[in-house]
Amino acid sequence: MSSLRLKLAGALAGIILIIAVVASAAELLTGEKIRAFLVGNTVQGSMIATGPYSEFYQPDGRVRSKDYIGNWYIDGDQMCFQYFSDPEYCWQVLRDGDAVQWIKDGRVEGTGTVVKGNPNNF
């Protein structure tokens, strides 16, 4: 094999390795991992349908925010919410470090950042 081909093969292998590392950084969480990641913490972000939010997920199943309250629960590998008399909604949770994406029917419907604890005292 020529020197150029060896260099190209090495570069391609490096690119494939980088893609594999980047792709493996995000994780679709199981119910148990959702609980460990989000419960007792605050998530601040934005939903496509409703806009900005900042919510604290209490261990007792309540959601607290500056302007509203609600309830959360884990159903299989999804986190579900109900606010006021609205219907319940459930999302899969994709984690990438402290970032979260709310996934419904294969589409990202919201994003956020997890902040430890309840820094806003909701």
PDB file of N, CA and C in Angstrom:
ATOM      1  N   MET A   1       0.850  -1.176   0.000  1.00  0.00           N
ATOM      2  CA  MET A   1       0.000   0.000   0.000  1.00  0.00           C
ATOM      3  C   MET A   1       0.894   1.236   0.000  1.00  0.00           C
ATOM      4  N   SER A   2       0.528   2.230  -0.762  1.00  0.00           N
ATOM      5  CA  SER A   2       1.348   3.435  -0.851  1.00  0.00           C
ATOM      6  C   SER A   2       1.235   4.250   0.431  1.00  0.00           C
ATOM      7  N   SER A   3       2.197   5.126   0.614  1.00  0.00           N
ATOM      8  CA  SER A   3       2.233   5.994   1.779  1.00  0.00           C
ATOM      9  C   SER A   3       0.980   6.868   1.869  1.00  0.00           C
ATOM     10  N   LEU A   4       0.528   7.370   0.715  1.00  0.00           N
ATOM     11  CA  LEU A   4      -0.670   8.216   0.688  1.00  0.00           C
ATOM     12  C   LEU A   4      -1.900   7.423   1.123  1.00  0.00           C
ATOM     13  N   ARG A   5      -2.013   6.200   0.634  1.00  0.00           N
ATOM     14  CA  ARG A   5      -3.160   5.362   1.007  1.00  0.00           C
ATOM     15  C   ARG A   5      -3.142   5.037   2.495  1.00  0.00           C
ATOM     16  N   LEU A   6      -1.955   4.771   3.037  1.00  0.00           N
ATOM     17  CA  LEU A   6      -1.840   4.506   4.472  1.00  0.00           C
ATOM     18  C   LEU A   6      -2.264   5.732   5.282  1.00  0.00           C
ATOM     19  N   LYS A   7      -1.856   6.911   4.841  1.00  0.00           N
ATOM     20  CA  LYS A   7      -2.230   8.140   5.540  1.00  0.00           C
ATOM     21  C   LYS A   7      -3.733   8.360   5.471  1.00  0.00           C
ATOM     22  N   LEU A   8      -4.317   8.132   4.280  1.00  0.00           N
ATOM     23  CA  LEU A   8      -5.762   8.291   4.123  1.00  0.00           C
ATOM     24  C   LEU A   8      -6.525   7.285   4.978  1.00  0.00           C
ATOM     25  N   ALA A   9      -6.040   6.042   5.011  1.00  0.00           N
ATOM     26  CA  ALA A   9      -6.690   5.007   5.822  1.00  0.00           C
ATOM     27  C   ALA A   9      -6.614   5.374   7.305  1.00  0.00           C
ATOM     28  N   GLY A  10      -5.475   5.882   7.734  1.00  0.00           N
ATOM     29  CA  GLY A  10      -5.314   6.313   9.129  1.00  0.00           C
ATOM     30  C   GLY A  10      -6.223   7.489   9.464  1.00  0.00           C
ATOM     31  N   ALA A  11      -6.327   8.450   8.543  1.00  0.00           N
ATOM     32  CA  ALA A  11      -7.202   9.604   8.752  1.00  0.00           C
ATOM     33  C   ALA A  11      -8.661   9.165   8.819  1.00  0.00           C
ATOM     34  N   LEU A  12      -9.054   8.254   7.947  1.00  0.00           N
ATOM     35  CA  LEU A  12     -10.428   7.753   7.940  1.00  0.00           C
ATOM     36  C   LEU A  12     -10.739   7.019   9.244  1.00  0.00           C
ATOM     37  N   ALA A  13      -9.803   6.216   9.714  1.00  0.00           N
ATOM     38  CA  ALA A  13     -10.000   5.500  10.981  1.00  0.00           C
ATOM     39  C   ALA A  13     -10.162   6.498  12.128  1.00  0.00           C
ATOM     40  N   GLY A  14      -9.389   7.562  12.104  1.00  0.00           N
ATOM     41  CA  GLY A  14      -9.504   8.600  13.132  1.00  0.00           C
ATOM     42  C   GLY A  14     -10.852   9.298  13.102  1.00  0.00           C
ATOM     43  N   ILE A  15     -11.344   9.592  11.901  1.00  0.00           N
ATOM     44  CA  ILE A  15     -12.655  10.232  11.745  1.00  0.00           C
ATOM     45  C   ILE A  15     -13.755   9.316  12.257  1.00  0.00           C
ATOM     46  N   ILE A  16     -13.667   8.037  11.937  1.00  0.00           N
ATOM     47  CA  ILE A  16     -14.670   7.074  12.404  1.00  0.00           C
ATOM     48  C   ILE A  16     -14.647   6.996  13.920  1.00  0.00           C
ATOM     49  N   LEU A  17     -13.487   6.994  14.514  1.00  0.00           N
ATOM     50  CA  LEU A  17     -13.375   6.958  15.969  1.00  0.00           C
ATOM     51  C   LEU A  17     -13.990   8.210  16.589  1.00  0.00           C
ATOM     52  N   ILE A  18     -13.735   9.370  16.042  1.00  0.00           N
ATOM     53  CA  ILE A  18     -14.317  10.627  16.553  1.00  0.00           C
ATOM     54  C   ILE A  18     -15.838  10.576  16.458  1.00  0.00           C
ATOM     55  N   ILE A  19     -16.361  10.123  15.345  1.00  0.00           N
ATOM     56  CA  ILE A  19     -17.821  10.020  15.171  1.00  0.00           C
ATOM     57  C   ILE A  19     -18.400   9.072  16.213  1.00  0.00           C
ATOM     58  N   ALA A  20     -17.746   7.955  16.464  1.00  0.00           N
ATOM     59  CA  ALA A  20     -18.240   6.983  17.444  1.00  0.00           C
ATOM     60  C   ALA A  20     -18.244   7.581  18.844  1.00  0.00           C
ATOM     61  N   VAL A  21     -17.214   8.332  19.203  1.00  0.00           N
ATOM     62  CA  VAL A  21     -17.148   8.962  20.528  1.00  0.00           C
ATOM     63  C   VAL A  21     -18.241  10.022  20.668  1.00  0.00           C
ATOM     64  N   VAL A  22     -18.421  10.863  19.666  1.00  0.00           N
ATOM     65  CA  VAL A  22     -19.449  11.901  19.713  1.00  0.00           C
ATOM     66  C   VAL A  22     -20.830  11.263  19.776  1.00  0.00           C
ATOM     67  N   ALA A  23     -21.072  10.248  18.980  1.00  0.00           N
ATOM     68  CA  ALA A  23     -22.385   9.598  18.953  1.00  0.00           C
ATOM     69  C   ALA A  23     -22.694   8.919  20.273  1.00  0.00           C
ATOM     70  N   SER A  24     -21.687   8.413  20.964  1.00  0.00           N
ATOM     71  CA  SER A  24     -21.935   7.710  22.213  1.00  0.00           C
ATOM     72  C   SER A  24     -22.071   8.654  23.400  1.00  0.00           C
ATOM     73  N   ALA A  25     -21.823   9.945  23.237  1.00  0.00           N
ATOM     74  CA  ALA A  25     -21.904  10.887  24.348  1.00  0.00           C
ATOM     75  C   ALA A  25     -23.341  11.076  24.806  1.00  0.00           C
ATOM     76  N   ALA A  26     -24.299  11.072  23.906  1.00  0.00           N
ATOM     77  CA  ALA A  26     -25.707  11.233  24.263  1.00  0.00           C
ATOM     78  C   ALA A  26     -26.293   9.862  24.566  1.00  0.00           C
ATOM     79  N   GLU A  27     -27.173   9.821  25.578  1.00  0.00           N
ATOM     80  CA  GLU A  27     -27.756   8.549  26.000  1.00  0.00           C
ATOM     81  C   GLU A  27     -29.251   8.709  26.204  1.00  0.00           C
ATOM     82  N   LEU A  28     -30.025   7.831  25.582  1.00  0.00           N
ATOM     83  CA  LEU A  28     -31.461   7.768  25.816  1.00  0.00           C
ATOM     84  C   LEU A  28     -31.648   7.016  27.130  1.00  0.00           C
ATOM     85  N   LEU A  29     -32.208   7.687  28.124  1.00  0.00           N
ATOM     86  CA  LEU A  29     -32.226   7.148  29.479  1.00  0.00           C
ATOM     87  C   LEU A  29     -33.357   6.151  29.728  1.00  0.00           C
ATOM     88  N   THR A  30     -33.064   5.179  30.573  1.00  0.00           N
ATOM     89  CA  THR A  30     -34.081   4.269  31.092  1.00  0.00           C
ATOM     90  C   THR A  30     -34.813   4.992  32.227  1.00  0.00           C
ATOM     91  N   GLY A  31     -35.927   4.415  32.663  1.00  0.00           N
ATOM     92  CA  GLY A  31     -36.684   5.013  33.759  1.00  0.00           C
ATOM     93  C   GLY A  31     -35.845   5.231  35.003  1.00  0.00           C
ATOM     94  N   GLU A  32     -35.038   4.247  35.353  1.00  0.00           N
ATOM     95  CA  GLU A  32     -34.173   4.341  36.526  1.00  0.00           C
ATOM     96  C   GLU A  32     -33.155   5.484  36.382  1.00  0.00           C
ATOM     97  N   LYS A  33     -32.585   5.608  35.199  1.00  0.00           N
ATOM     98  CA  LYS A  33     -31.600   6.671  34.970  1.00  0.00           C
ATOM     99  C   LYS A  33     -32.259   8.046  34.897  1.00  0.00           C
ATOM    100  N   ILE A  34     -33.499   8.108  34.392  1.00  0.00           N
ATOM    101  CA  ILE A  34     -34.236   9.385  34.392  1.00  0.00           C
ATOM    102  C   ILE A  34     -34.388   9.852  35.834  1.00  0.00           C
ATOM    103  N   ARG A  35     -34.829   8.937  36.697  1.00  0.00           N
ATOM    104  CA  ARG A  35     -35.026   9.271  38.116  1.00  0.00           C
ATOM    105  C   ARG A  35     -33.724   9.781  38.742  1.00  0.00           C
ATOM    106  N   ALA A  36     -32.633   9.076  38.516  1.00  0.00           N
ATOM    107  CA  ALA A  36     -31.345   9.456  39.108  1.00  0.00           C
ATOM    108  C   ALA A  36     -30.851  10.801  38.579  1.00  0.00           C
ATOM    109  N   PHE A  37     -31.128  11.100  37.314  1.00  0.00           N
ATOM    110  CA  PHE A  37     -30.627  12.314  36.668  1.00  0.00           C
ATOM    111  C   PHE A  37     -31.464  13.548  37.010  1.00  0.00           C
ATOM    112  N   LEU A  38     -32.789  13.401  37.052  1.00  0.00           N
ATOM    113  CA  LEU A  38     -33.651  14.579  37.137  1.00  0.00           C
ATOM    114  C   LEU A  38     -34.295  14.835  38.500  1.00  0.00           C
ATOM    115  N   VAL A  39     -34.629  13.795  39.232  1.00  0.00           N
ATOM    116  CA  VAL A  39     -35.361  13.986  40.484  1.00  0.00           C
ATOM    117  C   VAL A  39     -34.476  14.643  41.536  1.00  0.00           C
ATOM    118  N   GLY A  40     -35.020  15.694  42.149  1.00  0.00           N
ATOM    119  CA  GLY A  40     -34.271  16.480  43.124  1.00  0.00           C
ATOM    120  C   GLY A  40     -33.464  17.593  42.482  1.00  0.00           C
ATOM    121  N   ASN A  41     -33.642  17.772  41.166  1.00  0.00           N
ATOM    122  CA  ASN A  41     -32.906  18.795  40.434  1.00  0.00           C
ATOM    123  C   ASN A  41     -33.858  19.700  39.661  1.00  0.00           C
ATOM    124  N   THR A  42     -33.303  20.781  39.136  1.00  0.00           N
ATOM    125  CA  THR A  42     -34.043  21.755  38.342  1.00  0.00           C
ATOM    126  C   THR A  42     -33.618  21.618  36.889  1.00  0.00           C
ATOM    127  N   VAL A  43     -34.593  21.735  35.986  1.00  0.00           N
ATOM    128  CA  VAL A  43     -34.283  21.774  34.559  1.00  0.00           C
ATOM    129  C   VAL A  43     -34.767  23.111  34.021  1.00  0.00           C
ATOM    130  N   GLN A  44     -33.890  23.797  33.306  1.00  0.00           N
ATOM    131  CA  GLN A  44     -34.201  25.095  32.698  1.00  0.00           C
ATOM    132  C   GLN A  44     -33.992  24.963  31.205  1.00  0.00           C
ATOM    133  N   GLY A  45     -34.997  25.379  30.425  1.00  0.00           N
ATOM    134  CA  GLY A  45     -34.866  25.253  28.986  1.00  0.00           C
ATOM    135  C   GLY A  45     -36.051  25.826  28.255  1.00  0.00           C
ATOM    136  N   SER A  46     -36.403  25.195  27.128  1.00  0.00           N
ATOM    137  CA  SER A  46     -37.507  25.672  26.309  1.00  0.00           C
ATOM    138  C   SER A  46     -38.175  24.494  25.614  1.00  0.00           C
ATOM    139  N   MET A  47     -39.500  24.530  25.562  1.00  0.00           N
ATOM    140  CA  MET A  47     -40.290  23.538  24.841  1.00  0.00           C
ATOM    141  C   MET A  47     -40.815  24.194  23.574  1.00  0.00           C
ATOM    142  N   ILE A  48     -40.884  23.440  22.483  1.00  0.00           N
ATOM    143  CA  ILE A  48     -41.384  23.981  21.221  1.00  0.00           C
ATOM    144  C   ILE A  48     -42.803  24.515  21.395  1.00  0.00           C
ATOM    145  N   ALA A  49     -43.663  23.764  22.073  1.00  0.00           N
ATOM    146  CA  ALA A  49     -45.082  24.131  22.180  1.00  0.00           C
ATOM    147  C   ALA A  49     -45.363  25.259  23.159  1.00  0.00           C
ATOM    148  N   THR A  50     -44.556  25.362  24.231  1.00  0.00           N
ATOM    149  CA  THR A  50     -44.909  26.308  25.298  1.00  0.00           C
ATOM    150  C   THR A  50     -43.849  27.348  25.637  1.00  0.00           C
ATOM    151  N   GLY A  51     -42.647  27.217  25.100  1.00  0.00           N
ATOM    152  CA  GLY A  51     -41.609  28.216  25.341  1.00  0.00           C
ATOM    153  C   GLY A  51     -40.750  27.906  26.557  1.00  0.00           C
ATOM    154  N   PRO A  52     -40.137  28.960  27.138  1.00  0.00           N
ATOM    155  CA  PRO A  52     -39.180  28.781  28.234  1.00  0.00           C
ATOM    156  C   PRO A  52     -39.822  28.184  29.483  1.00  0.00           C
ATOM    157  N   TYR A  53     -39.028  27.422  30.208  1.00  0.00           N
ATOM    158  CA  TYR A  53     -39.469  26.848  31.478  1.00  0.00           C
ATOM    159  C   TYR A  53     -38.281  26.700  32.418  1.00  0.00           C
ATOM    160  N   SER A  54     -38.581  26.644  33.702  1.00  0.00           N
ATOM    161  CA  SER A  54     -37.620  26.308  34.736  1.00  0.00           C
ATOM    162  C   SER A  54     -38.406  25.573  35.805  1.00  0.00           C
ATOM    163  N   GLU A  55     -38.085  24.277  36.011  1.00  0.00           N
ATOM    164  CA  GLU A  55     -38.868  23.436  36.901  1.00  0.00           C
ATOM    165  C   GLU A  55     -37.972  22.641  37.836  1.00  0.00           C
ATOM    166  N   PHE A  56     -38.437  22.523  39.080  1.00  0.00           N
ATOM    167  CA  PHE A  56     -37.788  21.665  40.074  1.00  0.00           C
ATOM    168  C   PHE A  56     -38.635  20.413  40.238  1.00  0.00           C
ATOM    169  N   TYR A  57     -38.000  19.237  40.125  1.00  0.00           N
ATOM    170  CA  TYR A  57     -38.701  17.961  40.236  1.00  0.00           C
ATOM    171  C   TYR A  57     -38.490  17.391  41.633  1.00  0.00           C
ATOM    172  N   GLN A  58     -39.484  17.602  42.488  1.00  0.00           N
ATOM    173  CA  GLN A  58     -39.413  17.136  43.867  1.00  0.00           C
ATOM    174  C   GLN A  58     -39.458  15.608  43.918  1.00  0.00           C
ATOM    175  N   PRO A  59     -38.786  15.020  44.899  1.00  0.00           N
ATOM    176  CA  PRO A  59     -38.809  13.563  45.037  1.00  0.00           C
ATOM    177  C   PRO A  59     -40.213  12.988  45.281  1.00  0.00           C
ATOM    178  N   ASP A  60     -41.148  13.789  45.781  1.00  0.00           N
ATOM    179  CA  ASP A  60     -42.498  13.299  46.073  1.00  0.00           C
ATOM    180  C   ASP A  60     -43.423  13.310  44.853  1.00  0.00           C
ATOM    181  N   GLY A  61     -42.894  13.643  43.660  1.00  0.00           N
ATOM    182  CA  GLY A  61     -43.700  13.614  42.449  1.00  0.00           C
ATOM    183  C   GLY A  61     -44.325  14.945  42.076  1.00  0.00           C
ATOM    184  N   ARG A  62     -43.950  16.007  42.772  1.00  0.00           N
ATOM    185  CA  ARG A  62     -44.482  17.319  42.415  1.00  0.00           C
ATOM    186  C   ARG A  62     -43.463  18.096  41.588  1.00  0.00           C
ATOM    187  N   VAL A  63     -43.993  18.921  40.688  1.00  0.00           N
ATOM    188  CA  VAL A  63     -43.191  19.838  39.879  1.00  0.00           C
ATOM    189  C   VAL A  63     -43.437  21.232  40.437  1.00  0.00           C
ATOM    190  N   ARG A  64     -42.378  21.967  40.675  1.00  0.00           N
ATOM    191  CA  ARG A  64     -42.494  23.341  41.159  1.00  0.00           C
ATOM    192  C   ARG A  64     -41.823  24.278  40.171  1.00  0.00           C
ATOM    193  N   SER A  65     -42.473  25.418  39.942  1.00  0.00           N
ATOM    194  CA  SER A  65     -41.937  26.462  39.091  1.00  0.00           C
ATOM    195  C   SER A  65     -42.323  27.803  39.701  1.00  0.00           C
ATOM    196  N   LYS A  66     -41.810  28.871  39.149  1.00  0.00           N
ATOM    197  CA  LYS A  66     -42.161  30.209  39.648  1.00  0.00           C
ATOM    198  C   LYS A  66     -43.650  30.484  39.495  1.00  0.00           C
ATOM    199  N   ASP A  67     -44.230  30.062  38.371  1.00  0.00           N
ATOM    200  CA  ASP A  67     -45.598  30.441  38.040  1.00  0.00           C
ATOM    201  C   ASP A  67     -46.616  29.311  38.071  1.00  0.00           C
ATOM    202  N   TYR A  68     -46.208  28.082  38.301  1.00  0.00           N
ATOM    203  CA  TYR A  68     -47.152  26.972  38.264  1.00  0.00           C
ATOM    204  C   TYR A  68     -46.614  25.775  39.038  1.00  0.00           C
ATOM    205  N   ILE A  69     -47.505  24.816  39.283  1.00  0.00           N
ATOM    206  CA  ILE A  69     -47.129  23.548  39.897  1.00  0.00           C
ATOM    207  C   ILE A  69     -47.721  22.424  39.047  1.00  0.00           C
ATOM    208  N   GLY A  70     -47.252  21.237  39.251  1.00  0.00           N
ATOM    209  CA  GLY A  70     -47.768  20.082  38.528  1.00  0.00           C
ATOM    210  C   GLY A  70     -47.283  18.812  39.189  1.00  0.00           C
ATOM    211  N   ASN A  71     -47.405  17.724  38.477  1.00  0.00           N
ATOM    212  CA  ASN A  71     -46.966  16.421  38.965  1.00  0.00           C
ATOM    213  C   ASN A  71     -46.153  15.718  37.889  1.00  0.00           C
ATOM    214  N   TRP A  72     -45.216  14.891  38.332  1.00  0.00           N
ATOM    215  CA  TRP A  72     -44.422  14.076  37.425  1.00  0.00           C
ATOM    216  C   TRP A  72     -44.461  12.628  37.905  1.00  0.00           C
ATOM    217  N   TYR A  73     -44.218  11.700  36.997  1.00  0.00           N
ATOM    218  CA  TYR A  73     -44.014  10.294  37.348  1.00  0.00           C
ATOM    219  C   TYR A  73     -43.250   9.619  36.210  1.00  0.00           C
ATOM    220  N   ILE A  74     -42.634   8.507  36.533  1.00  0.00           N
ATOM    221  CA  ILE A  74     -41.905   7.721  35.544  1.00  0.00           C
ATOM    222  C   ILE A  74     -42.823   6.585  35.099  1.00  0.00           C
ATOM    223  N   ASP A  75     -42.980   6.436  33.785  1.00  0.00           N
ATOM    224  CA  ASP A  75     -43.772   5.348  33.208  1.00  0.00           C
ATOM    225  C   ASP A  75     -42.872   4.603  32.228  1.00  0.00           C
ATOM    226  N   GLY A  76     -42.386   3.452  32.640  1.00  0.00           N
ATOM    227  CA  GLY A  76     -41.434   2.716  31.811  1.00  0.00           C
ATOM    228  C   GLY A  76     -40.162   3.524  31.655  1.00  0.00           C
ATOM    229  N   ASP A  77     -39.825   3.865  30.428  1.00  0.00           N
ATOM    230  CA  ASP A  77     -38.621   4.657  30.148  1.00  0.00           C
ATOM    231  C   ASP A  77     -38.983   6.066  29.694  1.00  0.00           C
ATOM    232  N   GLN A  78     -40.063   6.600  30.244  1.00  0.00           N
ATOM    233  CA  GLN A  78     -40.486   7.962  29.934  1.00  0.00           C
ATOM    234  C   GLN A  78     -40.779   8.726  31.225  1.00  0.00           C
ATOM    235  N   MET A  79     -40.622  10.032  31.158  1.00  0.00           N
ATOM    236  CA  MET A  79     -41.025  10.899  32.261  1.00  0.00           C
ATOM    237  C   MET A  79     -42.309  11.591  31.830  1.00  0.00           C
ATOM    238  N   CYS A  80     -43.323  11.518  32.703  1.00  0.00           N
ATOM    239  CA  CYS A  80     -44.647  12.035  32.383  1.00  0.00           C
ATOM    240  C   CYS A  80     -44.989  13.194  33.305  1.00  0.00           C
ATOM    241  N   PHE A  81     -45.781  14.113  32.779  1.00  0.00           N
ATOM    242  CA  PHE A  81     -46.151  15.321  33.513  1.00  0.00           C
ATOM    243  C   PHE A  81     -47.635  15.601  33.356  1.00  0.00           C
ATOM    244  N   GLN A  82     -48.196  16.227  34.387  1.00  0.00           N
ATOM    245  CA  GLN A  82     -49.545  16.767  34.290  1.00  0.00           C
ATOM    246  C   GLN A  82     -49.552  18.098  35.035  1.00  0.00           C
ATOM    247  N   TYR A  83     -50.046  19.115  34.333  1.00  0.00           N
ATOM    248  CA  TYR A  83     -50.147  20.459  34.886  1.00  0.00           C
ATOM    249  C   TYR A  83     -51.610  20.872  34.882  1.00  0.00           C
ATOM    250  N   PHE A  84     -52.091  21.362  36.019  1.00  0.00           N
ATOM    251  CA  PHE A  84     -53.483  21.811  36.144  1.00  0.00           C
ATOM    252  C   PHE A  84     -54.417  20.703  35.667  1.00  0.00           C
ATOM    253  N   SER A  85     -55.381  21.017  34.828  1.00  0.00           N
ATOM    254  CA  SER A  85     -56.304  20.001  34.308  1.00  0.00           C
ATOM    255  C   SER A  85     -55.910  19.567  32.894  1.00  0.00           C
ATOM    256  N   ASP A  86     -54.707  19.944  32.457  1.00  0.00           N
ATOM    257  CA  ASP A  86     -54.226  19.540  31.132  1.00  0.00           C
ATOM    258  C   ASP A  86     -54.059  18.020  31.076  1.00  0.00           C
ATOM    259  N   PRO A  87     -54.088  17.449  29.884  1.00  0.00           N
ATOM    260  CA  PRO A  87     -53.816  16.002  29.767  1.00  0.00           C
ATOM    261  C   PRO A  87     -52.379  15.694  30.181  1.00  0.00           C
ATOM    262  N   GLU A  88     -52.129  14.444  30.517  1.00  0.00           N
ATOM    263  CA  GLU A  88     -50.772  14.012  30.839  1.00  0.00           C
ATOM    264  C   GLU A  88     -49.962  13.888  29.551  1.00  0.00           C
ATOM    265  N   TYR A  89     -48.684  14.257  29.630  1.00  0.00           N
ATOM    266  CA  TYR A  89     -47.769  14.113  28.501  1.00  0.00           C
ATOM    267  C   TYR A  89     -46.527  13.378  28.970  1.00  0.00           C
ATOM    268  N   CYS A  90     -46.010  12.487  28.135  1.00  0.00           N
ATOM    269  CA  CYS A  90     -44.823  11.713  28.472  1.00  0.00           C
ATOM    270  C   CYS A  90     -43.761  11.883  27.398  1.00  0.00           C
ATOM    271  N   TRP A  91     -42.498  11.926  27.841  1.00  0.00           N
ATOM    272  CA  TRP A  91     -41.373  12.084  26.932  1.00  0.00           C
ATOM    273  C   TRP A  91     -40.267  11.104  27.283  1.00  0.00           C
ATOM    274  N   GLN A  92     -39.562  10.667  26.272  1.00  0.00           N
ATOM    275  CA  GLN A  92     -38.289  10.002  26.487  1.00  0.00           C
ATOM    276  C   GLN A  92     -37.284  11.100  26.811  1.00  0.00           C
ATOM    277  N   VAL A  93     -36.238  10.736  27.520  1.00  0.00           N
ATOM    278  CA  VAL A  93     -35.240  11.716  27.946  1.00  0.00           C
ATOM    279  C   VAL A  93     -33.884  11.330  27.360  1.00  0.00           C
ATOM    280  N   LEU A  94     -33.319  12.238  26.576  1.00  0.00           N
ATOM    281  CA  LEU A  94     -31.991  12.057  26.013  1.00  0.00           C
ATOM    282  C   LEU A  94     -31.033  12.938  26.796  1.00  0.00           C
ATOM    283  N   ARG A  95     -30.000  12.329  27.350  1.00  0.00           N
ATOM    284  CA  ARG A  95     -29.022  13.059  28.149  1.00  0.00           C
ATOM    285  C   ARG A  95     -27.708  13.174  27.402  1.00  0.00           C
ATOM    286  N   ASP A  96     -27.129  14.374  27.471  1.00  0.00           N
ATOM    287  CA  ASP A  96     -25.796  14.625  26.943  1.00  0.00           C
ATOM    288  C   ASP A  96     -25.099  15.528  27.945  1.00  0.00           C
ATOM    289  N   GLY A  97     -24.368  14.940  28.886  1.00  0.00           N
ATOM    290  CA  GLY A  97     -23.780  15.715  29.981  1.00  0.00           C
ATOM    291  C   GLY A  97     -24.893  16.251  30.858  1.00  0.00           C
ATOM    292  N   ASP A  98     -24.939  17.578  31.048  1.00  0.00           N
ATOM    293  CA  ASP A  98     -26.005  18.217  31.829  1.00  0.00           C
ATOM    294  C   ASP A  98     -27.171  18.656  30.947  1.00  0.00           C
ATOM    295  N   ALA A  99     -27.083  18.395  29.653  1.00  0.00           N
ATOM    296  CA  ALA A  99     -28.148  18.796  28.730  1.00  0.00           C
ATOM    297  C   ALA A  99     -29.178  17.677  28.606  1.00  0.00           C
ATOM    298  N   VAL A 100     -30.425  18.082  28.415  1.00  0.00           N
ATOM    299  CA  VAL A 100     -31.518  17.134  28.262  1.00  0.00           C
ATOM    300  C   VAL A 100     -32.327  17.513  27.026  1.00  0.00           C
ATOM    301  N   GLN A 101     -32.800  16.486  26.335  1.00  0.00           N
ATOM    302  CA  GLN A 101     -33.744  16.695  25.230  1.00  0.00           C
ATOM    303  C   GLN A 101     -34.976  15.862  25.542  1.00  0.00           C
ATOM    304  N   TRP A 102     -36.154  16.467  25.374  1.00  0.00           N
ATOM    305  CA  TRP A 102     -37.426  15.795  25.583  1.00  0.00           C
ATOM    306  C   TRP A 102     -37.883  15.265  24.219  1.00  0.00           C
ATOM    307  N   ILE A 103     -38.021  13.940  24.088  1.00  0.00           N
ATOM    308  CA  ILE A 103     -38.311  13.283  22.817  1.00  0.00           C
ATOM    309  C   ILE A 103     -39.730  12.688  22.854  1.00  0.00           C
ATOM    310  N   LYS A 104     -40.532  13.027  21.850  1.00  0.00           N
ATOM    311  CA  LYS A 104     -41.876  12.451  21.711  1.00  0.00           C
ATOM    312  C   LYS A 104     -42.050  12.006  20.264  1.00  0.00           C
ATOM    313  N   ASP A 105     -42.441  10.765  20.080  1.00  0.00           N
ATOM    314  CA  ASP A 105     -42.650  10.206  18.747  1.00  0.00           C
ATOM    315  C   ASP A 105     -41.427  10.408  17.846  1.00  0.00           C
ATOM    316  N   GLY A 106     -40.227  10.256  18.427  1.00  0.00           N
ATOM    317  CA  GLY A 106     -38.996  10.349  17.666  1.00  0.00           C
ATOM    318  C   GLY A 106     -38.513  11.756  17.358  1.00  0.00           C
ATOM    319  N   ARG A 107     -39.227  12.781  17.859  1.00  0.00           N
ATOM    320  CA  ARG A 107     -38.847  14.177  17.587  1.00  0.00           C
ATOM    321  C   ARG A 107     -38.468  14.894  18.880  1.00  0.00           C
ATOM    322  N   VAL A 108     -37.504  15.772  18.792  1.00  0.00           N
ATOM    323  CA  VAL A 108     -37.128  16.606  19.932  1.00  0.00           C
ATOM    324  C   VAL A 108     -38.189  17.701  20.076  1.00  0.00           C
ATOM    325  N   GLU A 109     -38.860  17.728  21.224  1.00  0.00           N
ATOM    326  CA  GLU A 109     -39.901  18.724  21.463  1.00  0.00           C
ATOM    327  C   GLU A 109     -39.480  19.781  22.470  1.00  0.00           C
ATOM    328  N   GLY A 110     -38.305  19.574  23.075  1.00  0.00           N
ATOM    329  CA  GLY A 110     -37.805  20.563  24.016  1.00  0.00           C
ATOM    330  C   GLY A 110     -36.387  20.225  24.427  1.00  0.00           C
ATOM    331  N   THR A 111     -35.733  21.214  24.999  1.00  0.00           N
ATOM    332  CA  THR A 111     -34.364  21.045  25.478  1.00  0.00           C
ATOM    333  C   THR A 111     -34.226  21.727  26.825  1.00  0.00           C
ATOM    334  N   GLY A 112     -33.168  21.391  27.534  1.00  0.00           N
ATOM    335  CA  GLY A 112     -32.922  22.041  28.813  1.00  0.00           C
ATOM    336  C   GLY A 112     -31.555  21.693  29.350  1.00  0.00           C
ATOM    337  N   THR A 113     -31.245  22.329  30.462  1.00  0.00           N
ATOM    338  CA  THR A 113     -30.011  22.089  31.186  1.00  0.00           C
ATOM    339  C   THR A 113     -30.364  21.748  32.625  1.00  0.00           C
ATOM    340  N   VAL A 114     -29.763  20.686  33.147  1.00  0.00           N
ATOM    341  CA  VAL A 114     -30.020  20.272  34.522  1.00  0.00           C
ATOM    342  C   VAL A 114     -29.106  21.062  35.455  1.00  0.00           C
ATOM    343  N   VAL A 115     -29.742  21.646  36.468  1.00  0.00           N
ATOM    344  CA  VAL A 115     -29.027  22.384  37.508  1.00  0.00           C
ATOM    345  C   VAL A 115     -29.262  21.628  38.812  1.00  0.00           C
ATOM    346  N   LYS A 116     -28.212  21.328  39.531  1.00  0.00           N
ATOM    347  CA  LYS A 116     -28.324  20.549  40.761  1.00  0.00           C
ATOM    348  C   LYS A 116     -29.211  21.249  41.787  1.00  0.00           C
ATOM    349  N   GLY A 117     -30.101  20.476  42.405  1.00  0.00           N
ATOM    350  CA  GLY A 117     -30.933  20.969  43.496  1.00  0.00           C
ATOM    351  C   GLY A 117     -32.019  21.927  43.035  1.00  0.00           C
ATOM    352  N   ASN A 118     -32.384  22.836  43.944  1.00  0.00           N
ATOM    353  CA  ASN A 118     -33.444  23.797  43.712  1.00  0.00           C
ATOM    354  C   ASN A 118     -32.915  25.222  43.941  1.00  0.00           C
ATOM    355  N   PRO A 119     -32.020  25.691  43.073  1.00  0.00           N
ATOM    356  CA  PRO A 119     -31.372  26.982  43.315  1.00  0.00           C
ATOM    357  C   PRO A 119     -32.337  28.174  43.279  1.00  0.00           C
ATOM    358  N   ASN A 120     -33.500  28.009  42.665  1.00  0.00           N
ATOM    359  CA  ASN A 120     -34.480  29.104  42.586  1.00  0.00           C
ATOM    360  C   ASN A 120     -35.474  29.091  43.736  1.00  0.00           C
ATOM    361  N   ASN A 121     -35.336  28.112  44.631  1.00  0.00           N
ATOM    362  CA  ASN A 121     -36.229  27.965  45.790  1.00  0.00           C
ATOM    363  C   ASN A 121     -37.689  27.916  45.389  1.00  0.00           C
ATOM    364  N   PHE A 122     -38.018  27.110  44.392  1.00  0.00           N
ATOM    365  CA  PHE A 122     -39.413  26.945  43.978  1.00  0.00           C
ATOM    366  C   PHE A 122     -40.172  26.190  45.053  1.00  0.00           C
TER     367      PHE A 122
END
